[in-house]
Amino acid sequence: MAHSPPMSTLSLHTYREPDSVRVAVSGELDLSSALVFEEQLRRVEDEVQPKLLVLDLRSLKFMDSTGLRLILSAHARALNQDRKLAIVEGGEAIRRIFRLTGVLERLNVVDAPVGAAAS
């Protein structure tokens, strides 16, 4: 018997680190969860105003073009506000989307959140 999924299968957890803020994204980032992602990310940007924001996608199971667009617009906001956005890309499915869409050159992708500040 099929059960209907919860409204949003996305969660964001914010970790304040000495020289950055890390936002760990888990679940699925797609059209249905886009608003949740956008609102929470903007809230972190506005309230904390980190010089370096690390978007940790290692627990993200799925992302579609909507999710990719949101990440690109977060990247653009960071540039406009003289901040840095680093991305830990996580699983193969997510890496594949970045690779296929050719956005890797534009984004600041790092291997692990620990070394993010050094880049």
PDB file of N, CA and C in Angstrom:
ATOM      1  N   MET A   1       0.841  -1.195   0.000  1.00  0.00           N
ATOM      2  CA  MET A   1       0.000   0.000   0.000  1.00  0.00           C
ATOM      3  C   MET A   1       0.878   1.249   0.000  1.00  0.00           C
ATOM      4  N   ALA A   2       0.618   2.139  -0.917  1.00  0.00           N
ATOM      5  CA  ALA A   2       1.433   3.357  -1.020  1.00  0.00           C
ATOM      6  C   ALA A   2       0.982   4.381   0.023  1.00  0.00           C
ATOM      7  N   HIS A   3       1.969   5.049   0.621  1.00  0.00           N
ATOM      8  CA  HIS A   3       1.618   6.131   1.540  1.00  0.00           C
ATOM      9  C   HIS A   3       2.104   7.450   0.962  1.00  0.00           C
ATOM     10  N   SER A   4       1.380   8.520   1.249  1.00  0.00           N
ATOM     11  CA  SER A   4       1.777   9.809   0.680  1.00  0.00           C
ATOM     12  C   SER A   4       2.930  10.386   1.486  1.00  0.00           C
ATOM     13  N   PRO A   5       3.930  10.946   0.796  1.00  0.00           N
ATOM     14  CA  PRO A   5       5.092  11.513   1.487  1.00  0.00           C
ATOM     15  C   PRO A   5       4.703  12.770   2.263  1.00  0.00           C
ATOM     16  N   PRO A   6       5.493  13.135   3.263  1.00  0.00           N
ATOM     17  CA  PRO A   6       5.206  14.375   3.994  1.00  0.00           C
ATOM     18  C   PRO A   6       5.329  15.579   3.056  1.00  0.00           C
ATOM     19  N   MET A   7       4.759  16.703   3.463  1.00  0.00           N
ATOM     20  CA  MET A   7       4.754  17.892   2.611  1.00  0.00           C
ATOM     21  C   MET A   7       6.140  18.253   2.087  1.00  0.00           C
ATOM     22  N   SER A   8       7.103  18.363   2.989  1.00  0.00           N
ATOM     23  CA  SER A   8       8.452  18.658   2.531  1.00  0.00           C
ATOM     24  C   SER A   8       9.399  17.590   3.056  1.00  0.00           C
ATOM     25  N   THR A   9      10.212  17.048   2.166  1.00  0.00           N
ATOM     26  CA  THR A   9      11.148  16.012   2.576  1.00  0.00           C
ATOM     27  C   THR A   9      12.543  16.608   2.709  1.00  0.00           C
ATOM     28  N   LEU A  10      12.586  17.916   3.019  1.00  0.00           N
ATOM     29  CA  LEU A  10      13.862  18.613   3.103  1.00  0.00           C
ATOM     30  C   LEU A  10      14.059  19.162   4.505  1.00  0.00           C
ATOM     31  N   SER A  11      15.280  19.058   5.018  1.00  0.00           N
ATOM     32  CA  SER A  11      15.565  19.751   6.273  1.00  0.00           C
ATOM     33  C   SER A  11      16.932  20.418   6.204  1.00  0.00           C
ATOM     34  N   LEU A  12      17.024  21.566   6.875  1.00  0.00           N
ATOM     35  CA  LEU A  12      18.271  22.324   6.928  1.00  0.00           C
ATOM     36  C   LEU A  12      18.677  22.481   8.381  1.00  0.00           C
ATOM     37  N   HIS A  13      19.943  22.209   8.659  1.00  0.00           N
ATOM     38  CA  HIS A  13      20.476  22.402  10.006  1.00  0.00           C
ATOM     39  C   HIS A  13      21.646  23.366   9.919  1.00  0.00           C
ATOM     40  N   THR A  14      21.618  24.378  10.766  1.00  0.00           N
ATOM     41  CA  THR A  14      22.638  25.412  10.734  1.00  0.00           C
ATOM     42  C   THR A  14      23.641  25.223  11.860  1.00  0.00           C
ATOM     43  N   TYR A  15      24.917  25.236  11.522  1.00  0.00           N
ATOM     44  CA  TYR A  15      25.993  25.097  12.510  1.00  0.00           C
ATOM     45  C   TYR A  15      26.877  26.327  12.434  1.00  0.00           C
ATOM     46  N   ARG A  16      26.991  27.033  13.548  1.00  0.00           N
ATOM     47  CA  ARG A  16      27.888  28.196  13.568  1.00  0.00           C
ATOM     48  C   ARG A  16      29.285  27.714  13.905  1.00  0.00           C
ATOM     49  N   GLU A  17      30.220  28.012  13.022  1.00  0.00           N
ATOM     50  CA  GLU A  17      31.603  27.613  13.231  1.00  0.00           C
ATOM     51  C   GLU A  17      32.444  28.882  13.353  1.00  0.00           C
ATOM     52  N   PRO A  18      33.668  28.767  13.856  1.00  0.00           N
ATOM     53  CA  PRO A  18      34.449  29.976  14.175  1.00  0.00           C
ATOM     54  C   PRO A  18      34.486  31.025  13.070  1.00  0.00           C
ATOM     55  N   ASP A  19      34.736  30.609  11.823  1.00  0.00           N
ATOM     56  CA  ASP A  19      34.856  31.614  10.768  1.00  0.00           C
ATOM     57  C   ASP A  19      33.843  31.408   9.647  1.00  0.00           C
ATOM     58  N   SER A  20      32.816  30.627   9.930  1.00  0.00           N
ATOM     59  CA  SER A  20      31.821  30.372   8.890  1.00  0.00           C
ATOM     60  C   SER A  20      30.528  29.859   9.501  1.00  0.00           C
ATOM     61  N   VAL A  21      29.520  29.760   8.658  1.00  0.00           N
ATOM     62  CA  VAL A  21      28.279  29.107   9.051  1.00  0.00           C
ATOM     63  C   VAL A  21      28.058  27.982   8.055  1.00  0.00           C
ATOM     64  N   ARG A  22      27.807  26.785   8.580  1.00  0.00           N
ATOM     65  CA  ARG A  22      27.566  25.638   7.716  1.00  0.00           C
ATOM     66  C   ARG A  22      26.087  25.291   7.776  1.00  0.00           C
ATOM     67  N   VAL A  23      25.482  25.177   6.607  1.00  0.00           N
ATOM     68  CA  VAL A  23      24.089  24.762   6.518  1.00  0.00           C
ATOM     69  C   VAL A  23      24.069  23.377   5.887  1.00  0.00           C
ATOM     70  N   ALA A  24      23.716  22.372   6.708  1.00  0.00           N
ATOM     71  CA  ALA A  24      23.635  20.996   6.222  1.00  0.00           C
ATOM     72  C   ALA A  24      22.231  20.754   5.674  1.00  0.00           C
ATOM     73  N   VAL A  25      22.185  20.356   4.420  1.00  0.00           N
ATOM     74  CA  VAL A  25      20.906  20.136   3.746  1.00  0.00           C
ATOM     75  C   VAL A  25      20.702  18.642   3.591  1.00  0.00           C
ATOM     76  N   SER A  26      19.537  18.148   4.027  1.00  0.00           N
ATOM     77  CA  SER A  26      19.289  16.720   3.850  1.00  0.00           C
ATOM     78  C   SER A  26      17.891  16.497   3.287  1.00  0.00           C
ATOM     79  N   GLY A  27      17.736  15.353   2.642  1.00  0.00           N
ATOM     80  CA  GLY A  27      16.454  15.024   2.028  1.00  0.00           C
ATOM     81  C   GLY A  27      16.472  15.299   0.546  1.00  0.00           C
ATOM     82  N   GLU A  28      15.403  15.933   0.053  1.00  0.00           N
ATOM     83  CA  GLU A  28      15.250  16.180  -1.382  1.00  0.00           C
ATOM     84  C   GLU A  28      15.023  17.657  -1.641  1.00  0.00           C
ATOM     85  N   LEU A  29      15.846  18.205  -2.518  1.00  0.00           N
ATOM     86  CA  LEU A  29      15.713  19.615  -2.888  1.00  0.00           C
ATOM     87  C   LEU A  29      15.134  19.677  -4.296  1.00  0.00           C
ATOM     88  N   ASP A  30      13.825  19.954  -4.355  1.00  0.00           N
ATOM     89  CA  ASP A  30      13.146  20.021  -5.642  1.00  0.00           C
ATOM     90  C   ASP A  30      12.050  21.071  -5.572  1.00  0.00           C
ATOM     91  N   LEU A  31      11.180  21.065  -6.561  1.00  0.00           N
ATOM     92  CA  LEU A  31      10.140  22.090  -6.626  1.00  0.00           C
ATOM     93  C   LEU A  31       9.295  22.138  -5.351  1.00  0.00           C
ATOM     94  N   SER A  32       8.980  20.962  -4.787  1.00  0.00           N
ATOM     95  CA  SER A  32       8.098  20.924  -3.622  1.00  0.00           C
ATOM     96  C   SER A  32       8.757  21.471  -2.352  1.00  0.00           C
ATOM     97  N   SER A  33      10.078  21.449  -2.294  1.00  0.00           N
ATOM     98  CA  SER A  33      10.763  21.918  -1.086  1.00  0.00           C
ATOM     99  C   SER A  33      11.532  23.222  -1.323  1.00  0.00           C
ATOM    100  N   ALA A  34      11.402  23.782  -2.511  1.00  0.00           N
ATOM    101  CA  ALA A  34      12.171  24.973  -2.888  1.00  0.00           C
ATOM    102  C   ALA A  34      11.932  26.147  -1.942  1.00  0.00           C
ATOM    103  N   LEU A  35      10.670  26.356  -1.573  1.00  0.00           N
ATOM    104  CA  LEU A  35      10.327  27.497  -0.731  1.00  0.00           C
ATOM    105  C   LEU A  35      10.963  27.375   0.656  1.00  0.00           C
ATOM    106  N   VAL A  36      10.928  26.171   1.212  1.00  0.00           N
ATOM    107  CA  VAL A  36      11.535  25.912   2.520  1.00  0.00           C
ATOM    108  C   VAL A  36      13.030  26.230   2.479  1.00  0.00           C
ATOM    109  N   PHE A  37      13.690  25.722   1.448  1.00  0.00           N
ATOM    110  CA  PHE A  37      15.129  25.937   1.284  1.00  0.00           C
ATOM    111  C   PHE A  37      15.448  27.419   1.179  1.00  0.00           C
ATOM    112  N   GLU A  38      14.729  28.099   0.289  1.00  0.00           N
ATOM    113  CA  GLU A  38      14.973  29.510   0.019  1.00  0.00           C
ATOM    114  C   GLU A  38      14.758  30.368   1.269  1.00  0.00           C
ATOM    115  N   GLU A  39      13.645  30.136   1.969  1.00  0.00           N
ATOM    116  CA  GLU A  39      13.330  30.927   3.163  1.00  0.00           C
ATOM    117  C   GLU A  39      14.363  30.724   4.261  1.00  0.00           C
ATOM    118  N   GLN A  40      14.713  29.451   4.507  1.00  0.00           N
ATOM    119  CA  GLN A  40      15.653  29.174   5.594  1.00  0.00           C
ATOM    120  C   GLN A  40      17.051  29.687   5.270  1.00  0.00           C
ATOM    121  N   LEU A  41      17.471  29.541   4.026  1.00  0.00           N
ATOM    122  CA  LEU A  41      18.803  30.000   3.639  1.00  0.00           C
ATOM    123  C   LEU A  41      18.891  31.528   3.728  1.00  0.00           C
ATOM    124  N   ARG A  42      17.858  32.202   3.246  1.00  0.00           N
ATOM    125  CA  ARG A  42      17.848  33.664   3.325  1.00  0.00           C
ATOM    126  C   ARG A  42      17.818  34.144   4.770  1.00  0.00           C
ATOM    127  N   ARG A  43      17.135  33.404   5.636  1.00  0.00           N
ATOM    128  CA  ARG A  43      17.092  33.785   7.042  1.00  0.00           C
ATOM    129  C   ARG A  43      18.497  33.715   7.647  1.00  0.00           C
ATOM    130  N   VAL A  44      19.224  32.666   7.335  1.00  0.00           N
ATOM    131  CA  VAL A  44      20.604  32.543   7.815  1.00  0.00           C
ATOM    132  C   VAL A  44      21.450  33.690   7.276  1.00  0.00           C
ATOM    133  N   GLU A  45      21.319  33.976   5.985  1.00  0.00           N
ATOM    134  CA  GLU A  45      22.091  35.052   5.366  1.00  0.00           C
ATOM    135  C   GLU A  45      21.801  36.396   6.035  1.00  0.00           C
ATOM    136  N   ASP A  46      20.522  36.662   6.292  1.00  0.00           N
ATOM    137  CA  ASP A  46      20.121  37.947   6.864  1.00  0.00           C
ATOM    138  C   ASP A  46      20.489  38.077   8.339  1.00  0.00           C
ATOM    139  N   GLU A  47      20.231  37.018   9.119  1.00  0.00           N
ATOM    140  CA  GLU A  47      20.432  37.104  10.566  1.00  0.00           C
ATOM    141  C   GLU A  47      21.898  36.988  10.964  1.00  0.00           C
ATOM    142  N   VAL A  48      22.599  36.045  10.333  1.00  0.00           N
ATOM    143  CA  VAL A  48      23.979  35.769  10.736  1.00  0.00           C
ATOM    144  C   VAL A  48      24.983  36.579   9.916  1.00  0.00           C
ATOM    145  N   GLN A  49      24.635  36.829   8.656  1.00  0.00           N
ATOM    146  CA  GLN A  49      25.514  37.520   7.712  1.00  0.00           C
ATOM    147  C   GLN A  49      26.942  36.974   7.743  1.00  0.00           C
ATOM    148  N   PRO A  50      27.081  35.661   7.499  1.00  0.00           N
ATOM    149  CA  PRO A  50      28.418  35.055   7.557  1.00  0.00           C
ATOM    150  C   PRO A  50      29.269  35.494   6.376  1.00  0.00           C
ATOM    151  N   LYS A  51      30.569  35.699   6.621  1.00  0.00           N
ATOM    152  CA  LYS A  51      31.486  36.001   5.519  1.00  0.00           C
ATOM    153  C   LYS A  51      31.624  34.766   4.627  1.00  0.00           C
ATOM    154  N   LEU A  52      31.577  33.604   5.264  1.00  0.00           N
ATOM    155  CA  LEU A  52      31.627  32.347   4.507  1.00  0.00           C
ATOM    156  C   LEU A  52      30.439  31.487   4.896  1.00  0.00           C
ATOM    157  N   LEU A  53      29.640  31.144   3.906  1.00  0.00           N
ATOM    158  CA  LEU A  53      28.506  30.255   4.113  1.00  0.00           C
ATOM    159  C   LEU A  53      28.835  28.947   3.413  1.00  0.00           C
ATOM    160  N   VAL A  54      28.824  27.856   4.168  1.00  0.00           N
ATOM    161  CA  VAL A  54      29.122  26.545   3.592  1.00  0.00           C
ATOM    162  C   VAL A  54      27.817  25.782   3.447  1.00  0.00           C
ATOM    163  N   LEU A  55      27.490  25.440   2.231  1.00  0.00           N
ATOM    164  CA  LEU A  55      26.293  24.660   1.946  1.00  0.00           C
ATOM    165  C   LEU A  55      26.716  23.203   1.844  1.00  0.00           C
ATOM    166  N   ASP A  56      26.351  22.430   2.860  1.00  0.00           N
ATOM    167  CA  ASP A  56      26.792  21.034   2.957  1.00  0.00           C
ATOM    168  C   ASP A  56      25.713  20.125   2.387  1.00  0.00           C
ATOM    169  N   LEU A  57      25.966  19.570   1.212  1.00  0.00           N
ATOM    170  CA  LEU A  57      24.966  18.755   0.518  1.00  0.00           C
ATOM    171  C   LEU A  57      25.209  17.254   0.665  1.00  0.00           C
ATOM    172  N   ARG A  58      26.071  16.873   1.632  1.00  0.00           N
ATOM    173  CA  ARG A  58      26.413  15.453   1.746  1.00  0.00           C
ATOM    174  C   ARG A  58      25.237  14.564   2.128  1.00  0.00           C
ATOM    175  N   SER A  59      24.219  15.118   2.780  1.00  0.00           N
ATOM    176  CA  SER A  59      23.052  14.299   3.154  1.00  0.00           C
ATOM    177  C   SER A  59      21.879  14.498   2.205  1.00  0.00           C
ATOM    178  N   LEU A  60      22.126  15.251   1.129  1.00  0.00           N
ATOM    179  CA  LEU A  60      21.064  15.484   0.149  1.00  0.00           C
ATOM    180  C   LEU A  60      20.923  14.242  -0.724  1.00  0.00           C
ATOM    181  N   LYS A  61      19.704  13.712  -0.805  1.00  0.00           N
ATOM    182  CA  LYS A  61      19.476  12.486  -1.570  1.00  0.00           C
ATOM    183  C   LYS A  61      19.150  12.772  -3.031  1.00  0.00           C
ATOM    184  N   PHE A  62      18.479  13.909  -3.254  1.00  0.00           N
ATOM    185  CA  PHE A  62      17.998  14.210  -4.600  1.00  0.00           C
ATOM    186  C   PHE A  62      17.940  15.717  -4.801  1.00  0.00           C
ATOM    187  N   MET A  63      18.275  16.144  -6.005  1.00  0.00           N
ATOM    188  CA  MET A  63      18.136  17.552  -6.351  1.00  0.00           C
ATOM    189  C   MET A  63      17.758  17.651  -7.824  1.00  0.00           C
ATOM    190  N   ASP A  64      16.814  18.534  -8.142  1.00  0.00           N
ATOM    191  CA  ASP A  64      16.465  18.735  -9.545  1.00  0.00           C
ATOM    192  C   ASP A  64      16.919  20.123  -9.991  1.00  0.00           C
ATOM    193  N   SER A  65      16.469  20.537 -11.171  1.00  0.00           N
ATOM    194  CA  SER A  65      16.919  21.819 -11.715  1.00  0.00           C
ATOM    195  C   SER A  65      16.481  23.000 -10.851  1.00  0.00           C
ATOM    196  N   THR A  66      15.360  22.845 -10.147  1.00  0.00           N
ATOM    197  CA  THR A  66      14.903  23.906  -9.251  1.00  0.00           C
ATOM    198  C   THR A  66      15.931  24.109  -8.137  1.00  0.00           C
ATOM    199  N   GLY A  67      16.377  23.009  -7.552  1.00  0.00           N
ATOM    200  CA  GLY A  67      17.380  23.072  -6.488  1.00  0.00           C
ATOM    201  C   GLY A  67      18.669  23.704  -6.977  1.00  0.00           C
ATOM    202  N   LEU A  68      19.062  23.320  -8.174  1.00  0.00           N
ATOM    203  CA  LEU A  68      20.288  23.866  -8.761  1.00  0.00           C
ATOM    204  C   LEU A  68      20.159  25.373  -8.961  1.00  0.00           C
ATOM    205  N   ARG A  69      19.008  25.802  -9.426  1.00  0.00           N
ATOM    206  CA  ARG A  69      18.771  27.228  -9.637  1.00  0.00           C
ATOM    207  C   ARG A  69      18.847  27.996  -8.311  1.00  0.00           C
ATOM    208  N   LEU A  70      18.309  27.406  -7.247  1.00  0.00           N
ATOM    209  CA  LEU A  70      18.347  28.049  -5.928  1.00  0.00           C
ATOM    210  C   LEU A  70      19.783  28.192  -5.430  1.00  0.00           C
ATOM    211  N   ILE A  71      20.602  27.171  -5.677  1.00  0.00           N
ATOM    212  CA  ILE A  71      22.006  27.220  -5.262  1.00  0.00           C
ATOM    213  C   ILE A  71      22.756  28.287  -6.069  1.00  0.00           C
ATOM    214  N   LEU A  72      22.470  28.356  -7.365  1.00  0.00           N
ATOM    215  CA  LEU A  72      23.102  29.375  -8.200  1.00  0.00           C
ATOM    216  C   LEU A  72      22.687  30.781  -7.771  1.00  0.00           C
ATOM    217  N   SER A  73      21.423  30.958  -7.368  1.00  0.00           N
ATOM    218  CA  SER A  73      21.013  32.290  -6.938  1.00  0.00           C
ATOM    219  C   SER A  73      21.599  32.636  -5.572  1.00  0.00           C
ATOM    220  N   ALA A  74      21.797  31.628  -4.712  1.00  0.00           N
ATOM    221  CA  ALA A  74      22.473  31.871  -3.429  1.00  0.00           C
ATOM    222  C   ALA A  74      23.919  32.288  -3.680  1.00  0.00           C
ATOM    223  N   HIS A  75      24.540  31.661  -4.683  1.00  0.00           N
ATOM    224  CA  HIS A  75      25.907  31.999  -5.073  1.00  0.00           C
ATOM    225  C   HIS A  75      25.973  33.450  -5.559  1.00  0.00           C
ATOM    226  N   ALA A  76      24.997  33.844  -6.383  1.00  0.00           N
ATOM    227  CA  ALA A  76      24.942  35.214  -6.897  1.00  0.00           C
ATOM    228  C   ALA A  76      24.749  36.221  -5.763  1.00  0.00           C
ATOM    229  N   ARG A  77      23.878  35.889  -4.795  1.00  0.00           N
ATOM    230  CA  ARG A  77      23.670  36.778  -3.648  1.00  0.00           C
ATOM    231  C   ARG A  77      24.957  36.954  -2.860  1.00  0.00           C
ATOM    232  N   ALA A  78      25.679  35.855  -2.664  1.00  0.00           N
ATOM    233  CA  ALA A  78      26.938  35.920  -1.924  1.00  0.00           C
ATOM    234  C   ALA A  78      27.917  36.867  -2.613  1.00  0.00           C
ATOM    235  N   LEU A  79      28.040  36.735  -3.935  1.00  0.00           N
ATOM    236  CA  LEU A  79      28.930  37.619  -4.698  1.00  0.00           C
ATOM    237  C   LEU A  79      28.513  39.075  -4.566  1.00  0.00           C
ATOM    238  N   ASN A  80      27.210  39.327  -4.673  1.00  0.00           N
ATOM    239  CA  ASN A  80      26.688  40.702  -4.580  1.00  0.00           C
ATOM    240  C   ASN A  80      26.934  41.321  -3.212  1.00  0.00           C
ATOM    241  N   GLN A  81      26.923  40.494  -2.167  1.00  0.00           N
ATOM    242  CA  GLN A  81      27.071  41.000  -0.802  1.00  0.00           C
ATOM    243  C   GLN A  81      28.499  40.833  -0.275  1.00  0.00           C
ATOM    244  N   ASP A  82      29.432  40.553  -1.188  1.00  0.00           N
ATOM    245  CA  ASP A  82      30.836  40.407  -0.818  1.00  0.00           C
ATOM    246  C   ASP A  82      31.046  39.322   0.243  1.00  0.00           C
ATOM    247  N   ARG A  83      30.322  38.216   0.057  1.00  0.00           N
ATOM    248  CA  ARG A  83      30.488  37.057   0.923  1.00  0.00           C
ATOM    249  C   ARG A  83      30.961  35.901   0.057  1.00  0.00           C
ATOM    250  N   LYS A  84      31.280  34.774   0.724  1.00  0.00           N
ATOM    251  CA  LYS A  84      31.650  33.578  -0.024  1.00  0.00           C
ATOM    252  C   LYS A  84      30.655  32.472   0.252  1.00  0.00           C
ATOM    253  N   LEU A  85      30.348  31.729  -0.784  1.00  0.00           N
ATOM    254  CA  LEU A  85      29.515  30.541  -0.638  1.00  0.00           C
ATOM    255  C   LEU A  85      30.353  29.361  -1.090  1.00  0.00           C
ATOM    256  N   ALA A  86      30.554  28.413  -0.178  1.00  0.00           N
ATOM    257  CA  ALA A  86      31.266  27.186  -0.536  1.00  0.00           C
ATOM    258  C   ALA A  86      30.263  26.041  -0.513  1.00  0.00           C
ATOM    259  N   ILE A  87      30.457  25.090  -1.394  1.00  0.00           N
ATOM    260  CA  ILE A  87      29.530  23.972  -1.495  1.00  0.00           C
ATOM    261  C   ILE A  87      30.257  22.653  -1.330  1.00  0.00           C
ATOM    262  N   VAL A  88      29.782  21.837  -0.381  1.00  0.00           N
ATOM    263  CA  VAL A  88      30.273  20.471  -0.243  1.00  0.00           C
ATOM    264  C   VAL A  88      29.264  19.619  -0.993  1.00  0.00           C
ATOM    265  N   GLU A  89      29.681  19.037  -2.128  1.00  0.00           N
ATOM    266  CA  GLU A  89      28.675  18.506  -3.036  1.00  0.00           C
ATOM    267  C   GLU A  89      28.097  17.149  -2.686  1.00  0.00           C
ATOM    268  N   GLY A  90      28.756  16.346  -1.890  1.00  0.00           N
ATOM    269  CA  GLY A  90      28.108  15.123  -1.426  1.00  0.00           C
ATOM    270  C   GLY A  90      28.019  14.005  -2.439  1.00  0.00           C
ATOM    271  N   GLY A  91      26.874  13.330  -2.456  1.00  0.00           N
ATOM    272  CA  GLY A  91      26.694  12.076  -3.183  1.00  0.00           C
ATOM    273  C   GLY A  91      26.823  12.156  -4.696  1.00  0.00           C
ATOM    274  N   GLU A  92      26.927  10.993  -5.296  1.00  0.00           N
ATOM    275  CA  GLU A  92      27.150  10.868  -6.736  1.00  0.00           C
ATOM    276  C   GLU A  92      26.024  11.509  -7.548  1.00  0.00           C
ATOM    277  N   ALA A  93      24.784  11.342  -7.103  1.00  0.00           N
ATOM    278  CA  ALA A  93      23.648  11.904  -7.841  1.00  0.00           C
ATOM    279  C   ALA A  93      23.755  13.423  -7.913  1.00  0.00           C
ATOM    280  N   ILE A  94      24.179  14.033  -6.809  1.00  0.00           N
ATOM    281  CA  ILE A  94      24.296  15.486  -6.751  1.00  0.00           C
ATOM    282  C   ILE A  94      25.493  15.950  -7.582  1.00  0.00           C
ATOM    283  N   ARG A  95      26.610  15.233  -7.441  1.00  0.00           N
ATOM    284  CA  ARG A  95      27.813  15.564  -8.228  1.00  0.00           C
ATOM    285  C   ARG A  95      27.516  15.501  -9.719  1.00  0.00           C
ATOM    286  N   ARG A  96      26.722  14.504 -10.107  1.00  0.00           N
ATOM    287  CA  ARG A  96      26.390  14.304 -11.513  1.00  0.00           C
ATOM    288  C   ARG A  96      25.632  15.506 -12.068  1.00  0.00           C
ATOM    289  N   ILE A  97      24.682  16.030 -11.294  1.00  0.00           N
ATOM    290  CA  ILE A  97      23.916  17.200 -11.734  1.00  0.00           C
ATOM    291  C   ILE A  97      24.848  18.385 -11.957  1.00  0.00           C
ATOM    292  N   PHE A  98      25.761  18.615 -10.994  1.00  0.00           N
ATOM    293  CA  PHE A  98      26.709  19.721 -11.140  1.00  0.00           C
ATOM    294  C   PHE A  98      27.561  19.530 -12.395  1.00  0.00           C
ATOM    295  N   ARG A  99      28.009  18.283 -12.608  1.00  0.00           N
ATOM    296  CA  ARG A  99      28.875  17.988 -13.742  1.00  0.00           C
ATOM    297  C   ARG A  99      28.123  18.176 -15.067  1.00  0.00           C
ATOM    298  N   LEU A 100      26.936  17.589 -15.159  1.00  0.00           N
ATOM    299  CA  LEU A 100      26.170  17.627 -16.409  1.00  0.00           C
ATOM    300  C   LEU A 100      25.737  19.038 -16.796  1.00  0.00           C
ATOM    301  N   THR A 101      25.480  19.871 -15.801  1.00  0.00           N
ATOM    302  CA  THR A 101      24.998  21.221 -16.098  1.00  0.00           C
ATOM    303  C   THR A 101      26.146  22.201 -16.274  1.00  0.00           C
ATOM    304  N   GLY A 102      27.370  21.753 -15.999  1.00  0.00           N
ATOM    305  CA  GLY A 102      28.534  22.601 -16.223  1.00  0.00           C
ATOM    306  C   GLY A 102      28.656  23.780 -15.269  1.00  0.00           C
ATOM    307  N   VAL A 103      28.077  23.668 -14.080  1.00  0.00           N
ATOM    308  CA  VAL A 103      28.143  24.797 -13.146  1.00  0.00           C
ATOM    309  C   VAL A 103      29.357  24.728 -12.220  1.00  0.00           C
ATOM    310  N   LEU A 104      30.128  23.641 -12.303  1.00  0.00           N
ATOM    311  CA  LEU A 104      31.266  23.481 -11.392  1.00  0.00           C
ATOM    312  C   LEU A 104      32.270  24.622 -11.495  1.00  0.00           C
ATOM    313  N   GLU A 105      32.443  25.158 -12.712  1.00  0.00           N
ATOM    314  CA  GLU A 105      33.401  26.266 -12.881  1.00  0.00           C
ATOM    315  C   GLU A 105      32.924  27.518 -12.146  1.00  0.00           C
ATOM    316  N   ARG A 106      31.610  27.687 -12.095  1.00  0.00           N
ATOM    317  CA  ARG A 106      31.056  28.903 -11.499  1.00  0.00           C
ATOM    318  C   ARG A 106      30.972  28.827  -9.981  1.00  0.00           C
ATOM    319  N   LEU A 107      30.758  27.629  -9.453  1.00  0.00           N
ATOM    320  CA  LEU A 107      30.563  27.489  -8.018  1.00  0.00           C
ATOM    321  C   LEU A 107      31.873  27.175  -7.307  1.00  0.00           C
ATOM    322  N   ASN A 108      31.902  27.512  -6.022  1.00  0.00           N
ATOM    323  CA  ASN A 108      33.072  27.222  -5.191  1.00  0.00           C
ATOM    324  C   ASN A 108      32.825  25.900  -4.482  1.00  0.00           C
ATOM    325  N   VAL A 109      33.207  24.795  -5.136  1.00  0.00           N
ATOM    326  CA  VAL A 109      32.948  23.466  -4.581  1.00  0.00           C
ATOM    327  C   VAL A 109      34.173  22.971  -3.822  1.00  0.00           C
ATOM    328  N   VAL A 110      33.949  22.529  -2.586  1.00  0.00           N
ATOM    329  CA  VAL A 110      35.042  22.033  -1.752  1.00  0.00           C
ATOM    330  C   VAL A 110      34.773  20.589  -1.357  1.00  0.00           C
ATOM    331  N   ASP A 111      35.832  19.891  -0.961  1.00  0.00           N
ATOM    332  CA  ASP A 111      35.687  18.479  -0.603  1.00  0.00           C
ATOM    333  C   ASP A 111      35.062  18.275   0.768  1.00  0.00           C
ATOM    334  N   ALA A 112      35.431  19.137   1.711  1.00  0.00           N
ATOM    335  CA  ALA A 112      34.940  18.979   3.072  1.00  0.00           C
ATOM    336  C   ALA A 112      34.762  20.336   3.711  1.00  0.00           C
ATOM    337  N   PRO A 113      33.811  20.457   4.637  1.00  0.00           N
ATOM    338  CA  PRO A 113      33.558  21.760   5.241  1.00  0.00           C
ATOM    339  C   PRO A 113      34.731  22.276   6.068  1.00  0.00           C
ATOM    340  N   VAL A 114      35.590  21.371   6.524  1.00  0.00           N
ATOM    341  CA  VAL A 114      36.712  21.780   7.374  1.00  0.00           C
ATOM    342  C   VAL A 114      37.671  22.713   6.655  1.00  0.00           C
ATOM    343  N   GLY A 115      37.994  22.370   5.404  1.00  0.00           N
ATOM    344  CA  GLY A 115      38.966  23.177   4.673  1.00  0.00           C
ATOM    345  C   GLY A 115      38.350  24.292   3.881  1.00  0.00           C
ATOM    346  N   ALA A 116      37.062  24.528   4.080  1.00  0.00           N
ATOM    347  CA  ALA A 116      36.345  25.495   3.243  1.00  0.00           C
ATOM    348  C   ALA A 116      36.909  26.914   3.388  1.00  0.00           C
ATOM    349  N   ALA A 117      37.286  27.282   4.601  1.00  0.00           N
ATOM    350  CA  ALA A 117      37.729  28.650   4.842  1.00  0.00           C
ATOM    351  C   ALA A 117      39.080  28.936   4.178  1.00  0.00           C
ATOM    352  N   ALA A 118      39.847  27.881   3.933  1.00  0.00           N
ATOM    353  CA  ALA A 118      41.186  28.058   3.378  1.00  0.00           C
ATOM    354  C   ALA A 118      41.157  28.427   1.895  1.00  0.00           C
ATOM    355  N   SER A 119      40.066  28.064   1.209  1.00  0.00           N
ATOM    356  CA  SER A 119      40.060  28.298  -0.237  1.00  0.00           C
ATOM    357  C   SER A 119      39.930  29.765  -0.594  1.00  0.00           C
TER     358      SER A 119
END
